[in-house]
Amino acid sequence: MPLGPLNVLIGANGVGKTSVLEVMSLLAASADGHLQETISSAGGLSRLMTRDRKESMRLALTIPVAGEEPIEYELSLQPGGLAYVLPLEQLTQLRHKSKAKDPSFTYLKSKYIESKGSDILYYDTKTKKLVRPTWEHKPLETSLSQVPNMFREPEHFREVLASSTLYHALDVSPRAPIRLPQPMQPALLPGKDGENLVSCLYFLRETARDRFEAVEDAIRAAFPNFERMDFPPVAAGSLTMAWKERQYTQPLYAHQLSEGTLRFLWLVTLLQSPGLPTVTLIDEPEVSLHPEMLRLLSGLFREAATRTQLVVATHSEQLVRFLDPSELIICDLDDDHGTVVTRACDMGIEAWLKEYSLDQLWGLGRLGGRA
C-alpha cells in the first residue's frame, strides 16, 4: 500500500482498517525493542493472526531514501511453544551498478541484516562483511532493535519506524487523565490518553507561541464563544486548564468540558505539536465530534501532513466529504487475498465528481468499502 502525506482509510467494519494501523504499530515496537511486550499485551501471537491461516505472519515495509534506492525491511513471526520465533528478518538496500566492481551487475543488494531463526547476521562496518553478533542476542526481539549503529540510512530507517505512534479514541471518562491536573513540565506531545495535554499546551504557549495561537484559532472556529485558555496552578508543580468563554464570567475547567470539546482540543493540540513523529497513526478521530468540526479537522490533517506522514482510519462520511480523492484509501475484504486497498484517485471517478461529492459516491457504493 503506497502511502502519501495524508492517507485516510475507509471501509466497512472488519475489513482491516485498524489492522493496517496495528501492523505499523507492531513494526514500530519491533524497531524500538518492545516486540515481546507488545505481543504479550495483545494476548500472544496467535491472537494477532486472526485471518492468517498460514504457519507464520510476514510483515514488509519500504522507505524511500533521498538520492538513493529505498530500504526494504521484512520480518516474519511464527508461533513457537509458549511464545514465538522470528524465522526471517532482513534489512536490505539496492545499490547502483556504479558502486559495483562487476559491470554485469545492474544493482548490488546491500544486506544490513540477514537473520534466519537463531542464525543472526548483521553488516559489520569494520570488516565490511555479514558477521554474527558479539553480544547476547535477545531471541524475542528483532535484530533491527539490537544491532549497533550501521550506516546513516539504516539508522534513519530504525528511528523513523520506532517513532511511529498509534492514537486510539481518547478516554474522556470522569477520572480520565485528560480531566485531571497535570505536572508543569516540558511536553512535546499531549499523550495517548491526554495525560500531558495541559503540560503540552502550557509548553506551547511559553516556547512556540505561533503554534499555541494556531490551537486557539482552531478552537474559536469550532466554538465561536471561546475566548482563551489559562493555566492556573492548583498545587506545587501542578497545573489545570481554565477554558474561558465570552458569555460566562467564570471559566470552565477540564473536568467540566464535554467529551467532544476535549477530544477536539486533544486532536488539535496533537496535530500542532512540535514533537510529531515521522509517522502518526490515528484511529477513528471522528468520535463525539460534530460534522462541522470534521471540516476543520481535514484542514488540520493537511497542515500536519507537511510535518508527519499521517495515516487515519475512519467510518465518517462527513470526514470523507472534505477530502481529496488522492487522500482517500478504500478498504475491501477479499476471500482470497484479505484486505484489498485502492486509492480513490485511481478509480476513474473524475466524471462522477462533477455531479457528486466524494462522500455521496461512497454512500452510493460507487467506491466500494461498504458492508
Protein backbone atom coordinates (compact mmCIF):
# COMPACT_ATOMS: atom_id res chain seq x y z
CA MET A 1 0.00 0.00 0.00
CA PRO A 2 1.88 3.12 -1.18
CA LEU A 3 1.43 5.96 1.32
CA GLY A 4 1.27 9.68 0.64
CA PRO A 5 1.48 12.56 3.13
CA LEU A 6 -2.20 12.14 4.18
CA ASN A 7 -3.87 8.73 3.99
CA VAL A 8 -7.46 8.25 5.21
CA LEU A 9 -8.71 4.64 5.28
CA ILE A 10 -12.43 3.94 4.94
CA GLY A 11 -14.38 0.71 4.73
CA ALA A 12 -16.91 -1.49 6.48
CA ASN A 13 -16.33 -2.95 9.94
CA GLY A 14 -13.92 -5.87 9.96
CA VAL A 15 -12.19 -5.17 6.63
CA GLY A 16 -8.84 -4.40 8.23
CA LYS A 17 -8.56 -0.60 8.56
CA THR A 18 -7.41 -0.71 12.16
CA SER A 19 -5.25 -3.74 11.37
CA VAL A 20 -3.22 -1.57 9.00
CA LEU A 21 -2.55 0.83 11.87
CA GLU A 22 -1.78 -2.02 14.26
CA VAL A 23 0.70 -3.57 11.82
CA MET A 24 2.54 -0.25 11.70
CA SER A 25 2.41 -0.06 15.49
CA LEU A 26 3.75 -3.63 15.78
CA LEU A 27 6.63 -2.80 13.44
CA ALA A 28 7.37 0.32 15.49
CA ALA A 29 7.58 -1.85 18.62
CA SER A 30 9.89 -4.25 16.79
CA ALA A 31 12.27 -1.39 15.93
CA ASP A 32 12.14 0.02 19.46
CA GLY A 33 12.90 -3.23 21.28
CA HIS A 34 9.38 -3.73 22.68
CA LEU A 35 8.10 -6.51 20.42
CA GLN A 36 7.74 -9.07 23.21
CA GLU A 37 5.87 -6.61 25.43
CA THR A 38 3.52 -5.59 22.61
CA ILE A 39 2.70 -9.16 21.57
CA SER A 40 2.19 -10.23 25.19
CA SER A 41 -0.20 -7.33 25.86
CA ALA A 42 -2.24 -8.46 22.84
CA GLY A 43 -2.60 -11.96 24.31
CA GLY A 44 0.10 -13.66 22.26
CA LEU A 45 0.91 -14.05 18.58
CA SER A 46 -1.99 -16.41 17.89
CA ARG A 47 -4.42 -13.64 18.90
CA LEU A 48 -2.88 -11.35 16.30
CA MET A 49 -3.05 -13.86 13.44
CA THR A 50 -6.83 -13.75 13.21
CA ARG A 51 -7.18 -14.17 9.44
CA ASP A 52 -3.86 -15.73 8.50
CA ARG A 53 -4.28 -19.50 8.22
CA LYS A 54 -0.61 -20.00 7.42
CA GLU A 55 2.06 -21.01 9.90
CA SER A 56 3.72 -17.58 10.00
CA MET A 57 2.93 -13.89 9.58
CA ARG A 58 5.05 -11.83 7.19
CA LEU A 59 5.38 -8.05 7.51
CA ALA A 60 7.23 -5.94 4.96
CA LEU A 61 7.91 -2.22 4.72
CA THR A 62 9.81 0.00 2.29
CA ILE A 63 11.04 3.53 2.98
CA PRO A 64 12.43 5.91 0.32
CA VAL A 65 15.89 7.39 0.77
CA ALA A 66 16.76 10.75 -0.78
CA GLY A 67 19.29 10.29 -3.57
CA GLU A 68 19.48 6.53 -3.01
CA GLU A 69 17.48 3.38 -3.62
CA PRO A 70 14.80 2.57 -0.99
CA ILE A 71 15.45 0.45 2.08
CA GLU A 72 13.35 -2.71 2.40
CA TYR A 73 12.57 -4.43 5.69
CA GLU A 74 10.98 -7.86 6.06
CA LEU A 75 10.01 -9.63 9.27
CA SER A 76 8.33 -13.00 9.77
CA LEU A 77 6.71 -14.12 13.03
CA GLN A 78 5.74 -17.68 13.83
CA PRO A 79 4.14 -19.25 16.93
CA GLY A 80 6.62 -21.35 18.85
CA GLY A 81 5.87 -23.06 22.14
CA LEU A 82 4.51 -20.58 24.66
CA ALA A 83 5.93 -17.61 22.75
CA TYR A 84 7.03 -17.12 19.13
CA VAL A 85 10.08 -17.26 16.89
CA LEU A 86 11.44 -14.95 14.19
CA PRO A 87 12.14 -17.32 11.26
CA LEU A 88 13.23 -14.48 8.94
CA GLU A 89 14.36 -10.88 9.24
CA GLN A 90 16.05 -8.86 6.51
CA LEU A 91 17.07 -5.24 6.03
CA THR A 92 18.35 -4.59 2.52
CA GLN A 93 19.03 -1.78 0.07
CA LEU A 94 19.83 -1.88 -3.65
CA ARG A 95 22.93 -0.05 -4.84
CA HIS A 96 23.59 1.36 -8.32
CA LYS A 97 25.98 -0.52 -10.62
CA SER A 98 28.48 2.34 -10.44
CA LYS A 99 29.25 1.12 -6.94
CA ALA A 100 29.86 -2.43 -8.15
CA LYS A 101 33.14 -3.75 -9.46
CA ASP A 102 31.47 -6.19 -11.83
CA PRO A 103 29.89 -4.20 -14.73
CA SER A 104 27.50 -7.09 -15.45
CA PHE A 105 25.54 -6.19 -12.32
CA THR A 106 22.79 -3.62 -12.70
CA TYR A 107 22.36 -3.40 -8.93
CA LEU A 108 24.03 -4.75 -5.85
CA LYS A 109 21.87 -5.65 -2.88
CA SER A 110 23.40 -4.37 0.34
CA LYS A 111 22.31 -6.55 3.24
CA TYR A 112 22.42 -4.83 6.62
CA ILE A 113 20.59 -7.63 8.45
CA GLU A 114 20.02 -11.24 7.41
CA SER A 115 18.62 -13.38 10.18
CA LYS A 116 17.10 -16.84 9.84
CA GLY A 117 15.92 -18.12 13.16
CA SER A 118 18.88 -18.29 15.54
CA ASP A 119 21.37 -17.63 12.73
CA ILE A 120 21.82 -13.85 13.15
CA LEU A 121 23.95 -11.90 10.68
CA TYR A 122 24.47 -8.17 10.50
CA TYR A 123 26.75 -5.96 8.45
CA ASP A 124 29.93 -5.02 10.24
CA THR A 125 31.31 -1.66 9.13
CA LYS A 126 34.90 -2.67 10.05
CA THR A 127 35.14 -5.99 8.22
CA LYS A 128 32.64 -4.98 5.50
CA LYS A 129 31.01 -8.40 5.86
CA LEU A 130 27.95 -10.02 7.36
CA VAL A 131 29.00 -11.32 10.78
CA ARG A 132 27.37 -12.89 13.81
CA PRO A 133 26.69 -10.66 16.83
CA THR A 134 29.33 -10.45 19.55
CA TRP A 135 26.72 -9.59 22.19
CA GLU A 136 24.00 -11.64 23.87
CA HIS A 137 21.12 -11.57 21.41
CA LYS A 138 17.56 -11.41 22.79
CA PRO A 139 15.66 -14.09 20.81
CA LEU A 140 12.22 -12.49 21.22
CA GLU A 141 13.33 -9.06 19.95
CA THR A 142 14.29 -8.18 16.39
CA SER A 143 17.84 -7.77 15.21
CA LEU A 144 16.81 -4.33 13.94
CA SER A 145 16.35 -3.18 17.53
CA GLN A 146 19.61 -4.73 18.75
CA VAL A 147 22.31 -4.18 16.15
CA PRO A 148 24.76 -1.34 16.78
CA ASN A 149 24.74 1.80 14.67
CA MET A 150 25.17 0.96 11.00
CA PHE A 151 25.12 3.30 8.03
CA ARG A 152 23.15 6.53 8.08
CA GLU A 153 20.25 5.15 6.01
CA PRO A 154 19.53 2.06 8.17
CA GLU A 155 19.78 4.15 11.33
CA HIS A 156 17.33 6.66 9.90
CA PHE A 157 15.01 3.79 8.97
CA ARG A 158 15.13 2.39 12.51
CA GLU A 159 14.49 5.81 14.08
CA VAL A 160 11.57 6.56 11.75
CA LEU A 161 9.95 3.19 12.32
CA ALA A 162 10.47 3.21 16.10
CA SER A 163 8.91 6.66 16.46
CA SER A 164 5.66 5.74 14.66
CA THR A 165 2.80 6.24 17.14
CA LEU A 166 -0.78 4.96 17.14
CA TYR A 167 -3.53 7.06 18.77
CA HIS A 168 -6.86 5.37 19.52
CA ALA A 169 -10.08 7.05 20.63
CA LEU A 170 -9.40 9.24 23.65
CA ASP A 171 -10.58 8.25 27.13
CA VAL A 172 -12.76 11.09 28.47
CA SER A 173 -14.38 9.32 31.41
CA PRO A 174 -14.81 11.34 34.65
CA ARG A 175 -11.47 10.23 36.11
CA ALA A 176 -9.55 10.09 32.83
CA PRO A 177 -6.03 11.64 32.86
CA ILE A 178 -7.13 14.39 30.49
CA ARG A 179 -9.58 15.78 33.08
CA LEU A 180 -7.07 15.89 35.96
CA PRO A 181 -4.38 18.44 36.92
CA GLN A 182 -1.04 17.74 35.27
CA PRO A 183 2.61 18.46 36.14
CA MET A 184 4.22 21.69 34.99
CA GLN A 185 6.91 20.15 32.80
CA PRO A 186 8.04 20.29 29.17
CA ALA A 187 5.84 18.11 26.95
CA LEU A 188 6.16 17.96 23.16
CA LEU A 189 3.01 15.85 22.74
CA PRO A 190 -0.34 15.69 24.59
CA GLY A 191 -0.01 11.94 25.26
CA LYS A 192 -2.01 8.97 24.01
CA ASP A 193 -4.56 9.41 26.82
CA GLY A 194 -4.25 13.19 27.09
CA GLU A 195 -2.12 12.75 30.20
CA ASN A 196 0.16 15.58 29.01
CA LEU A 197 -2.42 17.83 27.33
CA VAL A 198 -2.20 20.69 29.85
CA SER A 199 1.58 20.37 30.05
CA CYS A 200 1.86 20.40 26.27
CA LEU A 201 -0.41 23.43 25.84
CA TYR A 202 1.46 25.35 28.54
CA PHE A 203 4.78 24.42 26.93
CA LEU A 204 3.48 25.59 23.51
CA ARG A 205 2.33 28.89 24.95
CA GLU A 206 5.73 29.54 26.53
CA THR A 207 8.01 28.26 23.76
CA ALA A 208 6.09 28.15 20.45
CA ARG A 209 3.55 30.94 20.62
CA ASP A 210 2.58 30.65 16.96
CA ARG A 211 1.55 27.01 17.42
CA PHE A 212 -0.38 27.80 20.60
CA GLU A 213 -2.22 30.60 18.77
CA ALA A 214 -2.99 28.16 15.93
CA VAL A 215 -4.58 25.83 18.51
CA GLU A 216 -6.69 28.69 19.89
CA ASP A 217 -7.69 29.81 16.38
CA ALA A 218 -8.90 26.29 15.55
CA ILE A 219 -10.90 26.18 18.78
CA ARG A 220 -12.50 29.57 18.03
CA ALA A 221 -13.51 28.30 14.60
CA ALA A 222 -15.23 25.31 16.22
CA PHE A 223 -16.57 27.13 19.31
CA PRO A 224 -17.40 30.78 18.44
CA ASN A 225 -17.84 31.76 22.12
CA PHE A 226 -14.38 30.54 23.10
CA GLU A 227 -12.14 33.35 24.33
CA ARG A 228 -8.88 31.92 25.68
CA MET A 229 -7.17 29.25 27.76
CA ASP A 230 -5.35 29.89 31.02
CA PHE A 231 -3.28 27.51 33.16
CA PRO A 232 -3.65 28.32 36.86
CA PRO A 233 -1.58 26.33 39.40
CA VAL A 234 -3.55 24.01 41.67
CA ALA A 235 -0.66 22.61 43.77
CA ALA A 236 3.10 22.68 43.88
CA GLY A 237 4.27 21.93 40.35
CA SER A 238 0.76 21.12 39.02
CA LEU A 239 -1.43 22.99 36.54
CA THR A 240 -5.00 22.79 35.38
CA MET A 241 -6.66 24.27 32.32
CA ALA A 242 -9.20 27.09 32.56
CA TRP A 243 -11.40 27.44 29.45
CA LYS A 244 -12.87 30.96 29.19
CA GLU A 245 -15.99 31.73 27.14
CA ARG A 246 -17.38 35.19 26.45
CA GLN A 247 -20.83 34.67 27.91
CA TYR A 248 -19.57 33.42 31.28
CA THR A 249 -17.72 35.34 33.98
CA GLN A 250 -16.16 32.16 35.40
CA PRO A 251 -14.06 29.73 33.35
CA LEU A 252 -14.79 26.06 32.80
CA TYR A 253 -12.22 23.50 33.85
CA ALA A 254 -11.20 20.26 32.14
CA HIS A 255 -13.49 18.10 34.28
CA GLN A 256 -16.46 20.27 33.20
CA LEU A 257 -15.88 20.22 29.43
CA SER A 258 -17.90 17.97 27.14
CA GLU A 259 -16.47 14.82 25.56
CA GLY A 260 -16.47 16.34 22.08
CA THR A 261 -14.77 19.53 23.29
CA LEU A 262 -11.97 17.59 25.00
CA ARG A 263 -11.45 15.26 22.05
CA PHE A 264 -11.28 18.14 19.58
CA LEU A 265 -8.86 20.06 21.80
CA TRP A 266 -6.65 16.96 22.16
CA LEU A 267 -6.63 16.34 18.38
CA VAL A 268 -5.84 19.97 17.57
CA THR A 269 -3.01 20.02 20.12
CA LEU A 270 -1.63 16.73 18.79
CA LEU A 271 -1.65 17.99 15.19
CA GLN A 272 0.07 21.24 16.17
CA SER A 273 2.65 19.59 18.42
CA PRO A 274 6.32 20.13 17.57
CA GLY A 275 7.06 16.56 18.71
CA LEU A 276 5.08 14.78 15.99
CA PRO A 277 6.86 11.59 14.89
CA THR A 278 7.69 10.88 11.26
CA VAL A 279 4.60 8.65 11.03
CA THR A 280 1.40 9.38 13.02
CA LEU A 281 -1.48 6.88 13.11
CA ILE A 282 -4.96 7.91 14.29
CA ASP A 283 -7.93 5.57 14.68
CA GLU A 284 -11.48 6.99 14.45
CA PRO A 285 -10.83 10.69 15.09
CA GLU A 286 -14.50 11.48 14.47
CA VAL A 287 -15.75 10.03 17.79
CA SER A 288 -18.01 12.57 19.58
CA LEU A 289 -17.27 15.34 17.05
CA HIS A 290 -19.89 17.47 15.31
CA PRO A 291 -19.73 17.20 11.48
CA GLU A 292 -18.65 20.86 11.18
CA MET A 293 -15.58 20.06 13.31
CA LEU A 294 -14.61 17.41 10.76
CA ARG A 295 -14.30 20.11 8.10
CA LEU A 296 -11.84 21.92 10.34
CA LEU A 297 -10.10 18.65 11.16
CA SER A 298 -9.49 17.85 7.49
CA GLY A 299 -7.62 21.14 7.11
CA LEU A 300 -5.60 20.43 10.24
CA PHE A 301 -4.75 16.98 8.86
CA ARG A 302 -3.37 18.52 5.66
CA GLU A 303 -1.26 21.04 7.54
CA ALA A 304 0.10 18.35 9.88
CA ALA A 305 0.82 16.10 6.88
CA THR A 306 3.53 18.56 5.84
CA ARG A 307 5.37 17.62 9.06
CA THR A 308 4.38 13.96 9.58
CA GLN A 309 3.12 11.14 7.40
CA LEU A 310 -0.46 10.79 8.60
CA VAL A 311 -2.49 7.55 8.41
CA VAL A 312 -6.10 7.78 9.64
CA ALA A 313 -8.84 5.13 9.86
CA THR A 314 -12.46 6.35 9.88
CA HIS A 315 -16.11 5.40 9.37
CA SER A 316 -17.23 9.01 8.92
CA GLU A 317 -18.92 10.02 5.66
CA GLN A 318 -18.76 13.63 6.87
CA LEU A 319 -14.95 13.48 7.07
CA VAL A 320 -14.78 11.86 3.63
CA ARG A 321 -16.77 14.83 2.24
CA PHE A 322 -13.87 17.20 2.92
CA LEU A 323 -11.10 15.02 1.46
CA ASP A 324 -9.39 14.99 -1.91
CA PRO A 325 -9.57 11.65 -3.82
CA SER A 326 -5.78 11.36 -3.57
CA GLU A 327 -6.11 11.36 0.24
CA LEU A 328 -8.73 8.61 0.43
CA ILE A 329 -7.98 4.86 0.52
CA ILE A 330 -10.87 2.40 0.27
CA CYS A 331 -10.51 -0.94 2.07
CA ASP A 332 -12.42 -4.03 0.99
CA LEU A 333 -12.20 -7.66 2.08
CA ASP A 334 -11.42 -10.33 -0.48
CA ASP A 335 -11.87 -14.00 0.40
CA ASP A 336 -8.61 -14.98 -1.30
CA HIS A 337 -6.36 -12.00 -0.62
CA GLY A 338 -7.64 -10.50 2.64
CA THR A 339 -7.74 -6.71 2.82
CA VAL A 340 -7.50 -5.03 -0.59
CA VAL A 341 -6.84 -1.28 -0.72
CA THR A 342 -7.48 1.19 -3.55
CA ARG A 343 -6.83 4.93 -3.62
CA ALA A 344 -9.92 6.86 -4.74
CA CYS A 345 -7.99 8.86 -7.35
CA ASP A 346 -7.16 5.58 -9.14
CA MET A 347 -10.81 4.55 -9.54
CA GLY A 348 -11.73 6.67 -12.57
CA ILE A 349 -14.30 8.81 -10.74
CA GLU A 350 -13.49 12.20 -12.30
CA ALA A 351 -16.76 12.33 -14.26
CA TRP A 352 -18.76 11.28 -11.20
CA LEU A 353 -17.22 14.06 -9.11
CA LYS A 354 -18.77 16.67 -11.42
CA GLU A 355 -22.20 15.76 -10.02
CA TYR A 356 -21.50 14.04 -6.70
CA SER A 357 -19.31 14.73 -3.70
CA LEU A 358 -16.82 12.12 -2.52
CA ASP A 359 -18.94 11.10 0.48
CA GLN A 360 -22.01 10.72 -1.75
CA LEU A 361 -20.11 8.37 -4.04
CA TRP A 362 -19.09 6.31 -1.02
CA GLY A 363 -22.69 6.28 0.24
CA LEU A 364 -23.91 5.14 -3.19
CA GLY A 365 -21.43 2.26 -3.16
CA ARG A 366 -19.54 3.61 -6.19
CA LEU A 367 -16.24 3.46 -4.32
CA GLY A 368 -16.73 0.14 -2.55
CA GLY A 369 -15.79 -0.01 1.11
CA ARG A 370 -19.34 -0.89 2.14
CA ALA A 371 -20.62 -3.91 4.07
